[in-house]
Amino acid sequence: MEQQKSEKKQLHKKEIRAIQDAMDVLNGKWKINILSSICLYNNRRFSDILNDIEGISNRMLSKELKELEINQLIKRTVMDTQPISVSYNLTEHGKSLKTIINNLTDWGIRHRKMIIGNEDK
């Protein structure tokens, strides 16, 4: 009995650590919105993402994109065009977040409706 409690506690600690790891990668006001923009359209330029997300500055978007790239969630591709353009796509690892983003979107719509009573406000 005592061993089961100990094993359960260890498993719970492992789950909490996994959640913390995920939150460390997705933390902040903008990352999930950025991933959502790229997820929805598959291929986004910097200016597209900037237009999609109200209130984010160029500097902040650049910083967040770099962090997402470091964590291998997005891939930055420099196009051989004049002028040079850059596009962002989800990596295979980033695509694993699609279900989470969709579920979070659905929950957010239901939550807003429950709290505010109107999803358009």
PDB file of N, CA and C in Angstrom:
ATOM      1  N   MET A   1       0.822  -1.198   0.000  1.00  0.00           N
ATOM      2  CA  MET A   1       0.000   0.000   0.000  1.00  0.00           C
ATOM      3  C   MET A   1       0.867   1.265   0.000  1.00  0.00           C
ATOM      4  N   GLU A   2       1.881   1.256   0.880  1.00  0.00           N
ATOM      5  CA  GLU A   2       2.775   2.410   0.975  1.00  0.00           C
ATOM      6  C   GLU A   2       3.577   2.586  -0.317  1.00  0.00           C
ATOM      7  N   GLN A   3       3.940   1.471  -0.943  1.00  0.00           N
ATOM      8  CA  GLN A   3       4.687   1.520  -2.194  1.00  0.00           C
ATOM      9  C   GLN A   3       3.826   2.118  -3.301  1.00  0.00           C
ATOM     10  N   GLN A   4       2.535   1.791  -3.332  1.00  0.00           N
ATOM     11  CA  GLN A   4       1.625   2.352  -4.334  1.00  0.00           C
ATOM     12  C   GLN A   4       1.529   3.865  -4.187  1.00  0.00           C
ATOM     13  N   LYS A   5       1.450   4.341  -2.943  1.00  0.00           N
ATOM     14  CA  LYS A   5       1.385   5.787  -2.695  1.00  0.00           C
ATOM     15  C   LYS A   5       2.655   6.468  -3.190  1.00  0.00           C
ATOM     16  N   SER A   6       3.784   5.841  -2.914  1.00  0.00           N
ATOM     17  CA  SER A   6       5.071   6.388  -3.339  1.00  0.00           C
ATOM     18  C   SER A   6       5.178   6.430  -4.863  1.00  0.00           C
ATOM     19  N   GLU A   7       4.746   5.360  -5.515  1.00  0.00           N
ATOM     20  CA  GLU A   7       4.772   5.312  -6.980  1.00  0.00           C
ATOM     21  C   GLU A   7       3.827   6.349  -7.579  1.00  0.00           C
ATOM     22  N   LYS A   8       2.668   6.493  -6.970  1.00  0.00           N
ATOM     23  CA  LYS A   8       1.694   7.480  -7.448  1.00  0.00           C
ATOM     24  C   LYS A   8       2.250   8.896  -7.289  1.00  0.00           C
ATOM     25  N   LYS A   9       2.910   9.147  -6.168  1.00  0.00           N
ATOM     26  CA  LYS A   9       3.506  10.458  -5.921  1.00  0.00           C
ATOM     27  C   LYS A   9       4.602  10.753  -6.946  1.00  0.00           C
ATOM     28  N   GLN A  10       5.431   9.758  -7.246  1.00  0.00           N
ATOM     29  CA  GLN A  10       6.488   9.923  -8.245  1.00  0.00           C
ATOM     30  C   GLN A  10       5.901  10.200  -9.624  1.00  0.00           C
ATOM     31  N   LEU A  11       4.848   9.463  -9.975  1.00  0.00           N
ATOM     32  CA  LEU A  11       4.181   9.671 -11.256  1.00  0.00           C
ATOM     33  C   LEU A  11       3.598  11.078 -11.326  1.00  0.00           C
ATOM     34  N   HIS A  12       2.979  11.518 -10.238  1.00  0.00           N
ATOM     35  CA  HIS A  12       2.398  12.854 -10.205  1.00  0.00           C
ATOM     36  C   HIS A  12       3.483  13.914 -10.365  1.00  0.00           C
ATOM     37  N   LYS A  13       4.611  13.737  -9.706  1.00  0.00           N
ATOM     38  CA  LYS A  13       5.727  14.682  -9.847  1.00  0.00           C
ATOM     39  C   LYS A  13       6.206  14.743 -11.297  1.00  0.00           C
ATOM     40  N   LYS A  14       6.259  13.583 -11.939  1.00  0.00           N
ATOM     41  CA  LYS A  14       6.684  13.520 -13.342  1.00  0.00           C
ATOM     42  C   LYS A  14       5.690  14.273 -14.231  1.00  0.00           C
ATOM     43  N   GLU A  15       4.392  14.108 -13.975  1.00  0.00           N
ATOM     44  CA  GLU A  15       3.361  14.810 -14.747  1.00  0.00           C
ATOM     45  C   GLU A  15       3.452  16.317 -14.535  1.00  0.00           C
ATOM     46  N   ILE A  16       3.637  16.737 -13.289  1.00  0.00           N
ATOM     47  CA  ILE A  16       3.764  18.166 -12.983  1.00  0.00           C
ATOM     48  C   ILE A  16       4.991  18.740 -13.688  1.00  0.00           C
ATOM     49  N   ARG A  17       6.101  18.009 -13.678  1.00  0.00           N
ATOM     50  CA  ARG A  17       7.321  18.457 -14.360  1.00  0.00           C
ATOM     51  C   ARG A  17       7.082  18.591 -15.865  1.00  0.00           C
ATOM     52  N   ALA A  18       6.359  17.638 -16.446  1.00  0.00           N
ATOM     53  CA  ALA A  18       6.060  17.689 -17.885  1.00  0.00           C
ATOM     54  C   ALA A  18       5.200  18.905 -18.215  1.00  0.00           C
ATOM     55  N   ILE A  19       4.215  19.188 -17.374  1.00  0.00           N
ATOM     56  CA  ILE A  19       3.374  20.374 -17.583  1.00  0.00           C
ATOM     57  C   ILE A  19       4.221  21.633 -17.470  1.00  0.00           C
ATOM     58  N   GLN A  20       5.101  21.683 -16.478  1.00  0.00           N
ATOM     59  CA  GLN A  20       5.965  22.848 -16.305  1.00  0.00           C
ATOM     60  C   GLN A  20       6.887  23.029 -17.507  1.00  0.00           C
ATOM     61  N   ASP A  21       7.431  21.934 -18.030  1.00  0.00           N
ATOM     62  CA  ASP A  21       8.278  22.014 -19.224  1.00  0.00           C
ATOM     63  C   ASP A  21       7.497  22.603 -20.398  1.00  0.00           C
ATOM     64  N   ALA A  22       6.267  22.134 -20.584  1.00  0.00           N
ATOM     65  CA  ALA A  22       5.429  22.644 -21.676  1.00  0.00           C
ATOM     66  C   ALA A  22       5.126  24.123 -21.476  1.00  0.00           C
ATOM     67  N   MET A  23       4.797  24.501 -20.251  1.00  0.00           N
ATOM     68  CA  MET A  23       4.478  25.903 -19.975  1.00  0.00           C
ATOM     69  C   MET A  23       5.704  26.800 -20.142  1.00  0.00           C
ATOM     70  N   ASP A  24       6.879  26.289 -19.823  1.00  0.00           N
ATOM     71  CA  ASP A  24       8.104  27.067 -20.020  1.00  0.00           C
ATOM     72  C   ASP A  24       8.315  27.396 -21.497  1.00  0.00           C
ATOM     73  N   VAL A  25       7.977  26.462 -22.374  1.00  0.00           N
ATOM     74  CA  VAL A  25       8.137  26.673 -23.818  1.00  0.00           C
ATOM     75  C   VAL A  25       7.045  27.587 -24.365  1.00  0.00           C
ATOM     76  N   LEU A  26       5.824  27.448 -23.865  1.00  0.00           N
ATOM     77  CA  LEU A  26       4.674  28.176 -24.419  1.00  0.00           C
ATOM     78  C   LEU A  26       4.297  29.399 -23.593  1.00  0.00           C
ATOM     79  N   ASN A  27       5.139  29.785 -22.648  1.00  0.00           N
ATOM     80  CA  ASN A  27       4.798  30.874 -21.740  1.00  0.00           C
ATOM     81  C   ASN A  27       4.671  32.212 -22.455  1.00  0.00           C
ATOM     82  N   GLY A  28       4.083  33.157 -21.770  1.00  0.00           N
ATOM     83  CA  GLY A  28       3.970  34.508 -22.290  1.00  0.00           C
ATOM     84  C   GLY A  28       2.651  34.766 -22.983  1.00  0.00           C
ATOM     85  N   LYS A  29       2.493  35.994 -23.350  1.00  0.00           N
ATOM     86  CA  LYS A  29       1.238  36.480 -23.925  1.00  0.00           C
ATOM     87  C   LYS A  29       1.069  36.102 -25.392  1.00  0.00           C
ATOM     88  N   TRP A  30       2.175  35.853 -26.105  1.00  0.00           N
ATOM     89  CA  TRP A  30       2.100  35.808 -27.565  1.00  0.00           C
ATOM     90  C   TRP A  30       2.339  34.454 -28.224  1.00  0.00           C
ATOM     91  N   LYS A  31       3.066  33.564 -27.602  1.00  0.00           N
ATOM     92  CA  LYS A  31       3.530  32.356 -28.301  1.00  0.00           C
ATOM     93  C   LYS A  31       2.399  31.502 -28.862  1.00  0.00           C
ATOM     94  N   ILE A  32       1.370  31.272 -28.077  1.00  0.00           N
ATOM     95  CA  ILE A  32       0.272  30.430 -28.572  1.00  0.00           C
ATOM     96  C   ILE A  32      -0.449  31.131 -29.718  1.00  0.00           C
ATOM     97  N   ASN A  33      -0.589  32.453 -29.645  1.00  0.00           N
ATOM     98  CA  ASN A  33      -1.201  33.195 -30.756  1.00  0.00           C
ATOM     99  C   ASN A  33      -0.361  33.087 -32.026  1.00  0.00           C
ATOM    100  N   ILE A  34       0.942  33.172 -31.883  1.00  0.00           N
ATOM    101  CA  ILE A  34       1.840  33.046 -33.037  1.00  0.00           C
ATOM    102  C   ILE A  34       1.725  31.648 -33.637  1.00  0.00           C
ATOM    103  N   LEU A  35       1.788  30.639 -32.789  1.00  0.00           N
ATOM    104  CA  LEU A  35       1.648  29.258 -33.270  1.00  0.00           C
ATOM    105  C   LEU A  35       0.298  29.040 -33.933  1.00  0.00           C
ATOM    106  N   SER A  36      -0.738  29.639 -33.375  1.00  0.00           N
ATOM    107  CA  SER A  36      -2.083  29.510 -33.941  1.00  0.00           C
ATOM    108  C   SER A  36      -2.145  30.111 -35.340  1.00  0.00           C
ATOM    109  N   SER A  37      -1.532  31.272 -35.526  1.00  0.00           N
ATOM    110  CA  SER A  37      -1.499  31.919 -36.838  1.00  0.00           C
ATOM    111  C   SER A  37      -0.792  31.036 -37.863  1.00  0.00           C
ATOM    112  N   ILE A  38       0.361  30.512 -37.488  1.00  0.00           N
ATOM    113  CA  ILE A  38       1.121  29.656 -38.398  1.00  0.00           C
ATOM    114  C   ILE A  38       0.370  28.341 -38.638  1.00  0.00           C
ATOM    115  N   CYS A  39      -0.234  27.816 -37.596  1.00  0.00           N
ATOM    116  CA  CYS A  39      -0.986  26.555 -37.678  1.00  0.00           C
ATOM    117  C   CYS A  39      -2.173  26.687 -38.633  1.00  0.00           C
ATOM    118  N   LEU A  40      -2.878  27.792 -38.543  1.00  0.00           N
ATOM    119  CA  LEU A  40      -4.078  27.999 -39.355  1.00  0.00           C
ATOM    120  C   LEU A  40      -3.749  28.145 -40.835  1.00  0.00           C
ATOM    121  N   TYR A  41      -2.677  28.862 -41.141  1.00  0.00           N
ATOM    122  CA  TYR A  41      -2.346  29.162 -42.536  1.00  0.00           C
ATOM    123  C   TYR A  41      -1.198  28.326 -43.098  1.00  0.00           C
ATOM    124  N   ASN A  42      -0.528  27.548 -42.251  1.00  0.00           N
ATOM    125  CA  ASN A  42       0.587  26.676 -42.635  1.00  0.00           C
ATOM    126  C   ASN A  42       1.875  27.412 -42.977  1.00  0.00           C
ATOM    127  N   ASN A  43       1.796  28.503 -43.672  1.00  0.00           N
ATOM    128  CA  ASN A  43       2.983  29.216 -44.128  1.00  0.00           C
ATOM    129  C   ASN A  43       2.728  30.705 -43.941  1.00  0.00           C
ATOM    130  N   ARG A  44       3.466  31.342 -43.026  1.00  0.00           N
ATOM    131  CA  ARG A  44       3.219  32.758 -42.734  1.00  0.00           C
ATOM    132  C   ARG A  44       4.510  33.551 -42.816  1.00  0.00           C
ATOM    133  N   ARG A  45       4.378  34.752 -43.359  1.00  0.00           N
ATOM    134  CA  ARG A  45       5.483  35.699 -43.335  1.00  0.00           C
ATOM    135  C   ARG A  45       5.387  36.515 -42.048  1.00  0.00           C
ATOM    136  N   PHE A  46       6.469  37.180 -41.711  1.00  0.00           N
ATOM    137  CA  PHE A  46       6.530  38.003 -40.509  1.00  0.00           C
ATOM    138  C   PHE A  46       5.378  39.000 -40.498  1.00  0.00           C
ATOM    139  N   SER A  47       5.186  39.700 -41.615  1.00  0.00           N
ATOM    140  CA  SER A  47       4.138  40.732 -41.675  1.00  0.00           C
ATOM    141  C   SER A  47       2.740  40.136 -41.544  1.00  0.00           C
ATOM    142  N   ASP A  48       2.546  38.912 -42.037  1.00  0.00           N
ATOM    143  CA  ASP A  48       1.248  38.242 -41.891  1.00  0.00           C
ATOM    144  C   ASP A  48       0.935  37.998 -40.416  1.00  0.00           C
ATOM    145  N   ILE A  49       1.923  37.478 -39.712  1.00  0.00           N
ATOM    146  CA  ILE A  49       1.739  37.189 -38.282  1.00  0.00           C
ATOM    147  C   ILE A  49       1.506  38.487 -37.522  1.00  0.00           C
ATOM    148  N   LEU A  50       2.279  39.512 -37.865  1.00  0.00           N
ATOM    149  CA  LEU A  50       2.138  40.819 -37.221  1.00  0.00           C
ATOM    150  C   LEU A  50       0.719  41.357 -37.405  1.00  0.00           C
ATOM    151  N   ASN A  51       0.154  41.182 -38.584  1.00  0.00           N
ATOM    152  CA  ASN A  51      -1.215  41.637 -38.849  1.00  0.00           C
ATOM    153  C   ASN A  51      -2.261  40.767 -38.152  1.00  0.00           C
ATOM    154  N   ASP A  52      -1.962  39.493 -37.972  1.00  0.00           N
ATOM    155  CA  ASP A  52      -2.906  38.579 -37.317  1.00  0.00           C
ATOM    156  C   ASP A  52      -3.071  38.868 -35.831  1.00  0.00           C
ATOM    157  N   ILE A  53      -1.992  39.302 -35.186  1.00  0.00           N
ATOM    158  CA  ILE A  53      -1.973  39.413 -33.725  1.00  0.00           C
ATOM    159  C   ILE A  53      -1.997  40.876 -33.307  1.00  0.00           C
ATOM    160  N   GLU A  54      -3.125  41.282 -32.811  1.00  0.00           N
ATOM    161  CA  GLU A  54      -3.321  42.671 -32.398  1.00  0.00           C
ATOM    162  C   GLU A  54      -2.467  42.990 -31.168  1.00  0.00           C
ATOM    163  N   GLY A  55      -1.705  44.073 -31.262  1.00  0.00           N
ATOM    164  CA  GLY A  55      -0.969  44.573 -30.113  1.00  0.00           C
ATOM    165  C   GLY A  55       0.477  44.126 -29.985  1.00  0.00           C
ATOM    166  N   ILE A  56       0.918  43.194 -30.808  1.00  0.00           N
ATOM    167  CA  ILE A  56       2.308  42.737 -30.708  1.00  0.00           C
ATOM    168  C   ILE A  56       3.212  43.675 -31.514  1.00  0.00           C
ATOM    169  N   SER A  57       4.375  43.992 -30.966  1.00  0.00           N
ATOM    170  CA  SER A  57       5.322  44.864 -31.665  1.00  0.00           C
ATOM    171  C   SER A  57       6.252  44.021 -32.541  1.00  0.00           C
ATOM    172  N   ASN A  58       6.904  44.685 -33.488  1.00  0.00           N
ATOM    173  CA  ASN A  58       7.886  44.006 -34.350  1.00  0.00           C
ATOM    174  C   ASN A  58       8.959  43.324 -33.510  1.00  0.00           C
ATOM    175  N   ARG A  59       9.461  44.050 -32.537  1.00  0.00           N
ATOM    176  CA  ARG A  59      10.544  43.546 -31.697  1.00  0.00           C
ATOM    177  C   ARG A  59      10.109  42.309 -30.902  1.00  0.00           C
ATOM    178  N   MET A  60       8.910  42.375 -30.322  1.00  0.00           N
ATOM    179  CA  MET A  60       8.412  41.248 -29.536  1.00  0.00           C
ATOM    180  C   MET A  60       8.157  40.030 -30.428  1.00  0.00           C
ATOM    181  N   LEU A  61       7.567  40.260 -31.606  1.00  0.00           N
ATOM    182  CA  LEU A  61       7.316  39.151 -32.525  1.00  0.00           C
ATOM    183  C   LEU A  61       8.632  38.489 -32.925  1.00  0.00           C
ATOM    184  N   SER A  62       9.629  39.291 -33.222  1.00  0.00           N
ATOM    185  CA  SER A  62      10.939  38.761 -33.593  1.00  0.00           C
ATOM    186  C   SER A  62      11.521  37.912 -32.466  1.00  0.00           C
ATOM    187  N   LYS A  63      11.445  38.408 -31.242  1.00  0.00           N
ATOM    188  CA  LYS A  63      11.953  37.680 -30.073  1.00  0.00           C
ATOM    189  C   LYS A  63      11.216  36.357 -29.886  1.00  0.00           C
ATOM    190  N   GLU A  64       9.900  36.392 -29.971  1.00  0.00           N
ATOM    191  CA  GLU A  64       9.098  35.179 -29.754  1.00  0.00           C
ATOM    192  C   GLU A  64       9.336  34.152 -30.865  1.00  0.00           C
ATOM    193  N   LEU A  65       9.461  34.611 -32.105  1.00  0.00           N
ATOM    194  CA  LEU A  65       9.743  33.693 -33.213  1.00  0.00           C
ATOM    195  C   LEU A  65      11.089  32.997 -33.012  1.00  0.00           C
ATOM    196  N   LYS A  66      12.090  33.745 -32.544  1.00  0.00           N
ATOM    197  CA  LYS A  66      13.403  33.148 -32.284  1.00  0.00           C
ATOM    198  C   LYS A  66      13.308  32.069 -31.210  1.00  0.00           C
ATOM    199  N   GLU A  67      12.546  32.341 -30.148  1.00  0.00           N
ATOM    200  CA  GLU A  67      12.391  31.349 -29.078  1.00  0.00           C
ATOM    201  C   GLU A  67      11.656  30.103 -29.574  1.00  0.00           C
ATOM    202  N   LEU A  68      10.629  30.302 -30.387  1.00  0.00           N
ATOM    203  CA  LEU A  68       9.895  29.158 -30.939  1.00  0.00           C
ATOM    204  C   LEU A  68      10.784  28.336 -31.868  1.00  0.00           C
ATOM    205  N   GLU A  69      11.665  29.025 -32.590  1.00  0.00           N
ATOM    206  CA  GLU A  69      12.605  28.324 -33.474  1.00  0.00           C
ATOM    207  C   GLU A  69      13.640  27.545 -32.654  1.00  0.00           C
ATOM    208  N   ILE A  70      14.145  28.140 -31.591  1.00  0.00           N
ATOM    209  CA  ILE A  70      15.105  27.461 -30.708  1.00  0.00           C
ATOM    210  C   ILE A  70      14.494  26.186 -30.131  1.00  0.00           C
ATOM    211  N   ASN A  71      13.207  26.250 -29.807  1.00  0.00           N
ATOM    212  CA  ASN A  71      12.506  25.091 -29.244  1.00  0.00           C
ATOM    213  C   ASN A  71      11.973  24.146 -30.317  1.00  0.00           C
ATOM    214  N   GLN A  72      12.390  24.371 -31.553  1.00  0.00           N
ATOM    215  CA  GLN A  72      12.094  23.501 -32.695  1.00  0.00           C
ATOM    216  C   GLN A  72      10.602  23.327 -32.960  1.00  0.00           C
ATOM    217  N   LEU A  73       9.826  24.388 -32.685  1.00  0.00           N
ATOM    218  CA  LEU A  73       8.394  24.358 -32.970  1.00  0.00           C
ATOM    219  C   LEU A  73       8.086  24.963 -34.330  1.00  0.00           C
ATOM    220  N   ILE A  74       8.943  25.877 -34.779  1.00  0.00           N
ATOM    221  CA  ILE A  74       8.767  26.485 -36.096  1.00  0.00           C
ATOM    222  C   ILE A  74      10.080  26.438 -36.860  1.00  0.00           C
ATOM    223  N   LYS A  75       9.955  26.556 -38.173  1.00  0.00           N
ATOM    224  CA  LYS A  75      11.130  26.615 -39.043  1.00  0.00           C
ATOM    225  C   LYS A  75      11.081  27.941 -39.783  1.00  0.00           C
ATOM    226  N   ARG A  76      12.192  28.633 -39.780  1.00  0.00           N
ATOM    227  CA  ARG A  76      12.340  29.909 -40.484  1.00  0.00           C
ATOM    228  C   ARG A  76      13.026  29.617 -41.809  1.00  0.00           C
ATOM    229  N   THR A  77      12.392  30.058 -42.909  1.00  0.00           N
ATOM    230  CA  THR A  77      12.951  29.827 -44.238  1.00  0.00           C
ATOM    231  C   THR A  77      13.147  31.168 -44.930  1.00  0.00           C
ATOM    232  N   VAL A  78      14.384  31.438 -45.340  1.00  0.00           N
ATOM    233  CA  VAL A  78      14.690  32.661 -46.085  1.00  0.00           C
ATOM    234  C   VAL A  78      14.513  32.345 -47.559  1.00  0.00           C
ATOM    235  N   MET A  79      13.632  33.095 -48.215  1.00  0.00           N
ATOM    236  CA  MET A  79      13.334  32.872 -49.627  1.00  0.00           C
ATOM    237  C   MET A  79      14.333  33.639 -50.489  1.00  0.00           C
ATOM    238  N   ASP A  80      14.696  33.059 -51.602  1.00  0.00           N
ATOM    239  CA  ASP A  80      15.625  33.692 -52.534  1.00  0.00           C
ATOM    240  C   ASP A  80      14.839  34.582 -53.487  1.00  0.00           C
ATOM    241  N   THR A  81      14.302  35.659 -52.932  1.00  0.00           N
ATOM    242  CA  THR A  81      13.503  36.604 -53.718  1.00  0.00           C
ATOM    243  C   THR A  81      14.077  37.999 -53.549  1.00  0.00           C
ATOM    244  N   GLN A  82      13.646  38.889 -54.394  1.00  0.00           N
ATOM    245  CA  GLN A  82      14.013  40.304 -54.267  1.00  0.00           C
ATOM    246  C   GLN A  82      12.752  41.112 -54.049  1.00  0.00           C
ATOM    247  N   PRO A  83      12.570  41.788 -52.944  1.00  0.00           N
ATOM    248  CA  PRO A  83      13.447  41.737 -51.768  1.00  0.00           C
ATOM    249  C   PRO A  83      13.329  40.383 -51.069  1.00  0.00           C
ATOM    250  N   ILE A  84      14.307  40.097 -50.238  1.00  0.00           N
ATOM    251  CA  ILE A  84      14.324  38.827 -49.507  1.00  0.00           C
ATOM    252  C   ILE A  84      13.098  38.751 -48.609  1.00  0.00           C
ATOM    253  N   SER A  85      12.449  37.603 -48.604  1.00  0.00           N
ATOM    254  CA  SER A  85      11.328  37.404 -47.685  1.00  0.00           C
ATOM    255  C   SER A  85      11.588  36.158 -46.849  1.00  0.00           C
ATOM    256  N   VAL A  86      10.964  36.140 -45.693  1.00  0.00           N
ATOM    257  CA  VAL A  86      11.141  35.045 -44.747  1.00  0.00           C
ATOM    258  C   VAL A  86       9.776  34.456 -44.446  1.00  0.00           C
ATOM    259  N   SER A  87       9.689  33.141 -44.440  1.00  0.00           N
ATOM    260  CA  SER A  87       8.424  32.498 -44.078  1.00  0.00           C
ATOM    261  C   SER A  87       8.646  31.580 -42.883  1.00  0.00           C
ATOM    262  N   TYR A  88       7.563  31.332 -42.177  1.00  0.00           N
ATOM    263  CA  TYR A  88       7.596  30.479 -40.991  1.00  0.00           C
ATOM    264  C   TYR A  88       6.584  29.360 -41.154  1.00  0.00           C
ATOM    265  N   ASN A  89       7.017  28.149 -40.814  1.00  0.00           N
ATOM    266  CA  ASN A  89       6.162  26.964 -40.860  1.00  0.00           C
ATOM    267  C   ASN A  89       6.325  26.208 -39.554  1.00  0.00           C
ATOM    268  N   LEU A  90       5.319  25.402 -39.226  1.00  0.00           N
ATOM    269  CA  LEU A  90       5.455  24.513 -38.081  1.00  0.00           C
ATOM    270  C   LEU A  90       6.370  23.355 -38.456  1.00  0.00           C
ATOM    271  N   THR A  91       7.215  22.963 -37.541  1.00  0.00           N
ATOM    272  CA  THR A  91       7.996  21.741 -37.714  1.00  0.00           C
ATOM    273  C   THR A  91       7.080  20.560 -37.380  1.00  0.00           C
ATOM    274  N   GLU A  92       7.568  19.360 -37.578  1.00  0.00           N
ATOM    275  CA  GLU A  92       6.784  18.182 -37.169  1.00  0.00           C
ATOM    276  C   GLU A  92       6.492  18.251 -35.673  1.00  0.00           C
ATOM    277  N   HIS A  93       7.489  18.678 -34.912  1.00  0.00           N
ATOM    278  CA  HIS A  93       7.309  18.823 -33.461  1.00  0.00           C
ATOM    279  C   HIS A  93       6.237  19.881 -33.168  1.00  0.00           C
ATOM    280  N   GLY A  94       6.266  20.988 -33.904  1.00  0.00           N
ATOM    281  CA  GLY A  94       5.264  22.039 -33.734  1.00  0.00           C
ATOM    282  C   GLY A  94       3.867  21.574 -34.107  1.00  0.00           C
ATOM    283  N   LYS A  95       3.786  20.733 -35.136  1.00  0.00           N
ATOM    284  CA  LYS A  95       2.480  20.213 -35.565  1.00  0.00           C
ATOM    285  C   LYS A  95       1.825  19.371 -34.479  1.00  0.00           C
ATOM    286  N   SER A  96       2.630  18.839 -33.572  1.00  0.00           N
ATOM    287  CA  SER A  96       2.066  18.045 -32.476  1.00  0.00           C
ATOM    288  C   SER A  96       1.238  18.907 -31.527  1.00  0.00           C
ATOM    289  N   LEU A  97       1.339  20.223 -31.650  1.00  0.00           N
ATOM    290  CA  LEU A  97       0.552  21.140 -30.815  1.00  0.00           C
ATOM    291  C   LEU A  97      -0.803  21.495 -31.427  1.00  0.00           C
ATOM    292  N   LYS A  98      -1.062  21.085 -32.674  1.00  0.00           N
ATOM    293  CA  LYS A  98      -2.309  21.463 -33.351  1.00  0.00           C
ATOM    294  C   LYS A  98      -3.546  21.087 -32.550  1.00  0.00           C
ATOM    295  N   THR A  99      -3.607  19.875 -32.052  1.00  0.00           N
ATOM    296  CA  THR A  99      -4.772  19.436 -31.280  1.00  0.00           C
ATOM    297  C   THR A  99      -4.926  20.275 -30.017  1.00  0.00           C
ATOM    298  N   ILE A 100      -3.816  20.562 -29.362  1.00  0.00           N
ATOM    299  CA  ILE A 100      -3.856  21.378 -28.149  1.00  0.00           C
ATOM    300  C   ILE A 100      -4.363  22.777 -28.476  1.00  0.00           C
ATOM    301  N   ILE A 101      -3.862  23.369 -29.563  1.00  0.00           N
ATOM    302  CA  ILE A 101      -4.299  24.709 -29.965  1.00  0.00           C
ATOM    303  C   ILE A 101      -5.781  24.700 -30.316  1.00  0.00           C
ATOM    304  N   ASN A 102      -6.231  23.696 -31.056  1.00  0.00           N
ATOM    305  CA  ASN A 102      -7.656  23.601 -31.401  1.00  0.00           C
ATOM    306  C   ASN A 102      -8.520  23.432 -30.157  1.00  0.00           C
ATOM    307  N   ASN A 103      -8.092  22.581 -29.226  1.00  0.00           N
ATOM    308  CA  ASN A 103      -8.843  22.389 -27.984  1.00  0.00           C
ATOM    309  C   ASN A 103      -8.866  23.658 -27.145  1.00  0.00           C
ATOM    310  N   LEU A 104      -7.745  24.361 -27.095  1.00  0.00           N
ATOM    311  CA  LEU A 104      -7.675  25.612 -26.346  1.00  0.00           C
ATOM    312  C   LEU A 104      -8.591  26.663 -26.968  1.00  0.00           C
ATOM    313  N   THR A 105      -8.645  26.700 -28.295  1.00  0.00           N
ATOM    314  CA  THR A 105      -9.551  27.615 -28.999  1.00  0.00           C
ATOM    315  C   THR A 105     -11.000  27.311 -28.652  1.00  0.00           C
ATOM    316  N   ASP A 106     -11.378  26.051 -28.740  1.00  0.00           N
ATOM    317  CA  ASP A 106     -12.753  25.653 -28.411  1.00  0.00           C
ATOM    318  C   ASP A 106     -13.102  26.004 -26.968  1.00  0.00           C
ATOM    319  N   TRP A 107     -12.180  25.714 -26.052  1.00  0.00           N
ATOM    320  CA  TRP A 107     -12.420  26.027 -24.648  1.00  0.00           C
ATOM    321  C   TRP A 107     -12.555  27.538 -24.450  1.00  0.00           C
ATOM    322  N   GLY A 108     -11.696  28.310 -25.108  1.00  0.00           N
ATOM    323  CA  GLY A 108     -11.747  29.766 -24.987  1.00  0.00           C
ATOM    324  C   GLY A 108     -13.069  30.337 -25.474  1.00  0.00           C
ATOM    325  N   ILE A 109     -13.597  29.798 -26.563  1.00  0.00           N
ATOM    326  CA  ILE A 109     -14.896  30.248 -27.085  1.00  0.00           C
ATOM    327  C   ILE A 109     -15.994  29.943 -26.070  1.00  0.00           C
ATOM    328  N   ARG A 110     -15.999  28.726 -25.540  1.00  0.00           N
ATOM    329  CA  ARG A 110     -17.015  28.348 -24.549  1.00  0.00           C
ATOM    330  C   ARG A 110     -16.876  29.176 -23.273  1.00  0.00           C
ATOM    331  N   HIS A 111     -15.651  29.404 -22.830  1.00  0.00           N
ATOM    332  CA  HIS A 111     -15.405  30.179 -21.614  1.00  0.00           C
ATOM    333  C   HIS A 111     -15.878  31.620 -21.782  1.00  0.00           C
ATOM    334  N   ARG A 112     -15.527  32.228 -22.914  1.00  0.00           N
ATOM    335  CA  ARG A 112     -15.952  33.608 -23.168  1.00  0.00           C
ATOM    336  C   ARG A 112     -17.469  33.704 -23.174  1.00  0.00           C
ATOM    337  N   LYS A 113     -18.109  32.741 -23.814  1.00  0.00           N
ATOM    338  CA  LYS A 113     -19.571  32.737 -23.882  1.00  0.00           C
ATOM    339  C   LYS A 113     -20.177  32.589 -22.485  1.00  0.00           C
ATOM    340  N   MET A 114     -19.589  31.736 -21.662  1.00  0.00           N
ATOM    341  CA  MET A 114     -20.093  31.520 -20.311  1.00  0.00           C
ATOM    342  C   MET A 114     -19.905  32.768 -19.438  1.00  0.00           C
ATOM    343  N   ILE A 115     -18.760  33.407 -19.540  1.00  0.00           N
ATOM    344  CA  ILE A 115     -18.441  34.551 -18.688  1.00  0.00           C
ATOM    345  C   ILE A 115     -19.079  35.839 -19.202  1.00  0.00           C
ATOM    346  N   ILE A 116     -18.944  36.103 -20.488  1.00  0.00           N
ATOM    347  CA  ILE A 116     -19.432  37.355 -21.070  1.00  0.00           C
ATOM    348  C   ILE A 116     -20.825  37.188 -21.653  1.00  0.00           C
ATOM    349  N   GLY A 117     -21.119  36.003 -22.140  1.00  0.00           N
ATOM    350  CA  GLY A 117     -22.429  35.745 -22.726  1.00  0.00           C
ATOM    351  C   GLY A 117     -22.483  35.983 -24.218  1.00  0.00           C
ATOM    352  N   ASN A 118     -21.354  36.404 -24.801  1.00  0.00           N
ATOM    353  CA  ASN A 118     -21.328  36.670 -26.234  1.00  0.00           C
ATOM    354  C   ASN A 118     -19.908  36.451 -26.722  1.00  0.00           C
ATOM    355  N   GLU A 119     -19.733  35.603 -27.712  1.00  0.00           N
ATOM    356  CA  GLU A 119     -18.381  35.307 -28.191  1.00  0.00           C
ATOM    357  C   GLU A 119     -17.811  36.381 -29.099  1.00  0.00           C
ATOM    358  N   ASP A 120     -18.603  37.385 -29.488  1.00  0.00           N
ATOM    359  CA  ASP A 120     -18.118  38.427 -30.394  1.00  0.00           C
ATOM    360  C   ASP A 120     -17.573  39.648 -29.665  1.00  0.00           C
ATOM    361  N   LYS A 121     -17.719  39.719 -28.351  1.00  0.00           N
ATOM    362  CA  LYS A 121     -17.255  40.905 -27.615  1.00  0.00           C
ATOM    363  C   LYS A 121     -15.765  40.903 -27.468  1.00  0.00           C
TER     364      LYS A 121
END
